[in-house]
Amino acid sequence: MPSQVVTVASSVGLHARPAKLLITAAKESGASVTIGRPGETGVNAASMLSVLALGAKCGEEVEITVADGPDAESVLARLVDIVATNHDE
């Protein structure tokens, strides 16, 4: 399963708009995707409540993991890009 650690770039962290973008992309991918702090058990990245409950703030690192599949690497790249972009500017 491909995974990558990425720094949350949005000034409000993974809340509101950035969380919605991440969740929508995870759902649309059709893959099983988790997100969490490195070294901890991840939560379902397609669940608004789970992602918001992480409380990931700007500058914190999170690890995104995508279940193996034909498009796993491209799904991972898209999700990493969402988290690494400041959507609050």
N, C-alpha and C. Protein backbone atom coordinates (compact mmCIF):
# COMPACT_ATOMS: atom_id res chain seq x y z
N MET A 1 0.84 -1.17 0.00
CA MET A 1 0.00 0.00 0.00
C MET A 1 0.89 1.24 0.00
N PRO A 2 0.72 2.09 -1.00
CA PRO A 2 1.54 3.30 -1.03
C PRO A 2 1.06 4.29 0.04
N SER A 3 2.03 4.97 0.65
CA SER A 3 1.70 5.99 1.62
C SER A 3 2.74 7.10 1.55
N GLN A 4 2.35 8.25 2.07
CA GLN A 4 3.27 9.39 2.07
C GLN A 4 2.94 10.31 3.23
N VAL A 5 3.98 10.85 3.85
CA VAL A 5 3.81 11.84 4.90
C VAL A 5 3.83 13.21 4.24
N VAL A 6 2.89 14.06 4.63
CA VAL A 6 2.76 15.39 4.03
C VAL A 6 2.43 16.39 5.14
N THR A 7 2.88 17.63 4.96
CA THR A 7 2.61 18.70 5.92
C THR A 7 1.34 19.43 5.52
N VAL A 8 0.44 19.62 6.48
CA VAL A 8 -0.82 20.33 6.24
C VAL A 8 -0.50 21.80 5.98
N ALA A 9 -0.91 22.31 4.81
CA ALA A 9 -0.56 23.66 4.41
C ALA A 9 -1.66 24.70 4.68
N SER A 10 -2.91 24.30 4.72
CA SER A 10 -3.98 25.27 4.91
C SER A 10 -3.90 25.89 6.30
N SER A 11 -4.07 27.20 6.36
CA SER A 11 -3.91 27.93 7.62
C SER A 11 -4.91 27.49 8.69
N VAL A 12 -6.04 26.92 8.29
CA VAL A 12 -7.03 26.43 9.26
C VAL A 12 -6.87 24.94 9.52
N GLY A 13 -5.84 24.32 8.96
CA GLY A 13 -5.63 22.89 9.10
C GLY A 13 -6.62 22.12 8.25
N LEU A 14 -6.88 20.87 8.63
CA LEU A 14 -7.82 20.04 7.87
C LEU A 14 -9.24 20.26 8.38
N HIS A 15 -9.74 21.45 8.16
CA HIS A 15 -11.09 21.82 8.55
C HIS A 15 -11.77 22.49 7.37
N ALA A 16 -13.08 22.54 7.41
CA ALA A 16 -13.89 23.23 6.41
C ALA A 16 -13.51 22.85 4.98
N ARG A 17 -13.09 23.82 4.20
CA ARG A 17 -12.85 23.60 2.77
C ARG A 17 -11.77 22.55 2.48
N PRO A 18 -10.59 22.62 3.10
CA PRO A 18 -9.57 21.61 2.80
C PRO A 18 -10.04 20.19 3.12
N ALA A 19 -10.75 20.02 4.23
CA ALA A 19 -11.25 18.69 4.59
C ALA A 19 -12.26 18.21 3.57
N LYS A 20 -13.14 19.09 3.13
CA LYS A 20 -14.15 18.70 2.15
C LYS A 20 -13.50 18.28 0.83
N LEU A 21 -12.48 19.01 0.40
CA LEU A 21 -11.77 18.65 -0.83
C LEU A 21 -11.12 17.28 -0.71
N LEU A 22 -10.47 17.03 0.43
CA LEU A 22 -9.81 15.74 0.66
C LEU A 22 -10.83 14.61 0.69
N ILE A 23 -11.90 14.78 1.42
CA ILE A 23 -12.92 13.76 1.57
C ILE A 23 -13.58 13.44 0.23
N THR A 24 -13.90 14.47 -0.53
CA THR A 24 -14.52 14.28 -1.84
C THR A 24 -13.59 13.50 -2.77
N ALA A 25 -12.32 13.87 -2.79
CA ALA A 25 -11.35 13.17 -3.64
C ALA A 25 -11.19 11.72 -3.20
N ALA A 26 -11.16 11.48 -1.90
CA ALA A 26 -11.02 10.10 -1.40
C ALA A 26 -12.22 9.27 -1.81
N LYS A 27 -13.43 9.83 -1.67
CA LYS A 27 -14.64 9.11 -2.06
C LYS A 27 -14.66 8.82 -3.56
N GLU A 28 -14.33 9.83 -4.36
CA GLU A 28 -14.37 9.69 -5.82
C GLU A 28 -13.35 8.68 -6.33
N SER A 29 -12.26 8.49 -5.59
CA SER A 29 -11.22 7.56 -6.04
C SER A 29 -11.71 6.12 -6.02
N GLY A 30 -12.65 5.82 -5.15
CA GLY A 30 -13.13 4.45 -5.02
C GLY A 30 -12.18 3.54 -4.26
N ALA A 31 -11.04 4.08 -3.84
CA ALA A 31 -10.05 3.30 -3.10
C ALA A 31 -10.27 3.46 -1.60
N SER A 32 -9.74 2.52 -0.85
CA SER A 32 -9.75 2.63 0.60
C SER A 32 -8.57 3.51 0.99
N VAL A 33 -8.87 4.67 1.61
CA VAL A 33 -7.83 5.65 1.94
C VAL A 33 -7.90 5.97 3.43
N THR A 34 -6.73 5.99 4.08
CA THR A 34 -6.67 6.40 5.47
C THR A 34 -5.74 7.60 5.61
N ILE A 35 -5.99 8.37 6.68
CA ILE A 35 -5.14 9.51 7.00
C ILE A 35 -4.97 9.56 8.51
N GLY A 36 -3.77 9.88 8.95
CA GLY A 36 -3.50 9.98 10.38
C GLY A 36 -2.12 10.51 10.63
N ARG A 37 -1.79 10.67 11.87
CA ARG A 37 -0.45 11.12 12.21
C ARG A 37 0.52 9.96 12.00
N PRO A 38 1.73 10.25 11.53
CA PRO A 38 2.72 9.19 11.31
C PRO A 38 2.92 8.35 12.57
N GLY A 39 2.89 7.04 12.40
CA GLY A 39 3.09 6.13 13.51
C GLY A 39 1.83 5.77 14.27
N GLU A 40 0.71 6.42 13.94
CA GLU A 40 -0.56 6.13 14.58
C GLU A 40 -1.50 5.47 13.57
N THR A 41 -2.55 4.83 14.06
CA THR A 41 -3.53 4.22 13.19
C THR A 41 -4.33 5.31 12.49
N GLY A 42 -4.43 5.21 11.17
CA GLY A 42 -5.16 6.20 10.40
C GLY A 42 -6.66 6.02 10.47
N VAL A 43 -7.39 7.06 10.07
CA VAL A 43 -8.84 7.03 10.02
C VAL A 43 -9.29 7.06 8.57
N ASN A 44 -10.54 6.75 8.34
CA ASN A 44 -11.12 6.74 7.00
C ASN A 44 -11.09 8.16 6.42
N ALA A 45 -10.35 8.36 5.35
CA ALA A 45 -10.21 9.68 4.74
C ALA A 45 -11.47 10.12 3.99
N ALA A 46 -12.44 9.24 3.84
CA ALA A 46 -13.69 9.58 3.17
C ALA A 46 -14.79 9.94 4.18
N SER A 47 -14.43 10.04 5.46
CA SER A 47 -15.40 10.35 6.51
C SER A 47 -15.12 11.74 7.08
N MET A 48 -16.08 12.65 6.91
CA MET A 48 -15.91 14.02 7.42
C MET A 48 -15.66 14.02 8.93
N LEU A 49 -16.44 13.26 9.68
CA LEU A 49 -16.27 13.24 11.13
C LEU A 49 -14.89 12.73 11.53
N SER A 50 -14.42 11.69 10.86
CA SER A 50 -13.11 11.13 11.19
C SER A 50 -11.99 12.10 10.88
N VAL A 51 -12.05 12.74 9.73
CA VAL A 51 -11.00 13.69 9.33
C VAL A 51 -10.99 14.90 10.27
N LEU A 52 -12.16 15.44 10.58
CA LEU A 52 -12.23 16.59 11.48
C LEU A 52 -11.77 16.21 12.89
N ALA A 53 -12.07 14.98 13.32
CA ALA A 53 -11.67 14.53 14.65
C ALA A 53 -10.15 14.44 14.81
N LEU A 54 -9.43 14.31 13.70
CA LEU A 54 -7.97 14.30 13.78
C LEU A 54 -7.44 15.61 14.36
N GLY A 55 -8.11 16.70 14.03
CA GLY A 55 -7.68 18.00 14.51
C GLY A 55 -6.33 18.42 13.97
N ALA A 56 -6.00 17.98 12.76
CA ALA A 56 -4.70 18.30 12.16
C ALA A 56 -4.62 19.80 11.85
N LYS A 57 -3.60 20.43 12.39
CA LYS A 57 -3.43 21.87 12.24
C LYS A 57 -2.38 22.20 11.18
N CYS A 58 -2.36 23.44 10.76
CA CYS A 58 -1.37 23.90 9.79
C CYS A 58 0.03 23.61 10.32
N GLY A 59 0.87 23.05 9.46
CA GLY A 59 2.25 22.73 9.83
C GLY A 59 2.44 21.34 10.41
N GLU A 60 1.35 20.66 10.75
CA GLU A 60 1.46 19.29 11.28
C GLU A 60 1.62 18.30 10.13
N GLU A 61 2.26 17.18 10.41
CA GLU A 61 2.42 16.12 9.42
C GLU A 61 1.32 15.09 9.58
N VAL A 62 0.82 14.62 8.44
CA VAL A 62 -0.14 13.51 8.40
C VAL A 62 0.36 12.51 7.37
N GLU A 63 -0.03 11.27 7.55
CA GLU A 63 0.34 10.22 6.61
C GLU A 63 -0.91 9.73 5.90
N ILE A 64 -0.86 9.75 4.59
CA ILE A 64 -1.97 9.28 3.76
C ILE A 64 -1.58 7.93 3.19
N THR A 65 -2.47 6.95 3.31
CA THR A 65 -2.23 5.61 2.80
C THR A 65 -3.39 5.20 1.91
N VAL A 66 -3.06 4.66 0.74
CA VAL A 66 -4.07 4.21 -0.22
C VAL A 66 -3.90 2.71 -0.41
N ALA A 67 -5.02 2.00 -0.36
CA ALA A 67 -5.00 0.55 -0.58
C ALA A 67 -4.47 0.25 -1.98
N ASP A 68 -3.77 -0.86 -2.10
CA ASP A 68 -3.23 -1.27 -3.40
C ASP A 68 -4.34 -1.34 -4.43
N GLY A 69 -4.02 -0.89 -5.61
CA GLY A 69 -4.96 -0.93 -6.72
C GLY A 69 -4.29 -0.35 -7.94
N PRO A 70 -4.95 -0.43 -9.09
CA PRO A 70 -4.32 0.02 -10.33
C PRO A 70 -3.98 1.51 -10.35
N ASP A 71 -4.72 2.34 -9.62
CA ASP A 71 -4.47 3.78 -9.64
C ASP A 71 -3.99 4.30 -8.29
N ALA A 72 -3.50 3.43 -7.43
CA ALA A 72 -3.15 3.82 -6.06
C ALA A 72 -2.14 4.97 -6.02
N GLU A 73 -1.13 4.93 -6.85
CA GLU A 73 -0.10 5.98 -6.83
C GLU A 73 -0.67 7.33 -7.27
N SER A 74 -1.52 7.34 -8.29
CA SER A 74 -2.10 8.61 -8.75
C SER A 74 -3.11 9.15 -7.75
N VAL A 75 -3.85 8.26 -7.09
CA VAL A 75 -4.79 8.68 -6.04
C VAL A 75 -4.00 9.33 -4.90
N LEU A 76 -2.92 8.67 -4.50
CA LEU A 76 -2.09 9.19 -3.43
C LEU A 76 -1.54 10.57 -3.80
N ALA A 77 -1.04 10.72 -5.01
CA ALA A 77 -0.49 12.00 -5.44
C ALA A 77 -1.54 13.11 -5.39
N ARG A 78 -2.75 12.80 -5.81
CA ARG A 78 -3.83 13.80 -5.80
C ARG A 78 -4.16 14.22 -4.36
N LEU A 79 -4.26 13.26 -3.45
CA LEU A 79 -4.59 13.56 -2.07
C LEU A 79 -3.47 14.32 -1.37
N VAL A 80 -2.24 13.95 -1.64
CA VAL A 80 -1.09 14.67 -1.07
C VAL A 80 -1.10 16.11 -1.54
N ASP A 81 -1.39 16.33 -2.81
CA ASP A 81 -1.45 17.68 -3.36
C ASP A 81 -2.52 18.52 -2.65
N ILE A 82 -3.65 17.92 -2.36
CA ILE A 82 -4.73 18.66 -1.66
C ILE A 82 -4.26 19.09 -0.28
N VAL A 83 -3.65 18.19 0.47
CA VAL A 83 -3.20 18.50 1.83
C VAL A 83 -2.05 19.50 1.82
N ALA A 84 -1.18 19.42 0.82
CA ALA A 84 0.02 20.26 0.76
C ALA A 84 -0.26 21.65 0.18
N THR A 85 -1.50 21.95 -0.20
CA THR A 85 -1.87 23.23 -0.77
C THR A 85 -2.66 24.04 0.24
N ASN A 86 -2.36 25.34 0.33
CA ASN A 86 -3.10 26.23 1.21
C ASN A 86 -4.37 26.67 0.48
N HIS A 87 -5.49 26.13 0.88
CA HIS A 87 -6.77 26.44 0.23
C HIS A 87 -7.46 27.64 0.86
N ASP A 88 -6.78 28.32 1.75
CA ASP A 88 -7.38 29.44 2.47
C ASP A 88 -6.90 30.80 1.98
N GLU A 89 -6.09 30.82 0.93
CA GLU A 89 -5.59 32.09 0.42
C GLU A 89 -6.58 32.74 -0.50
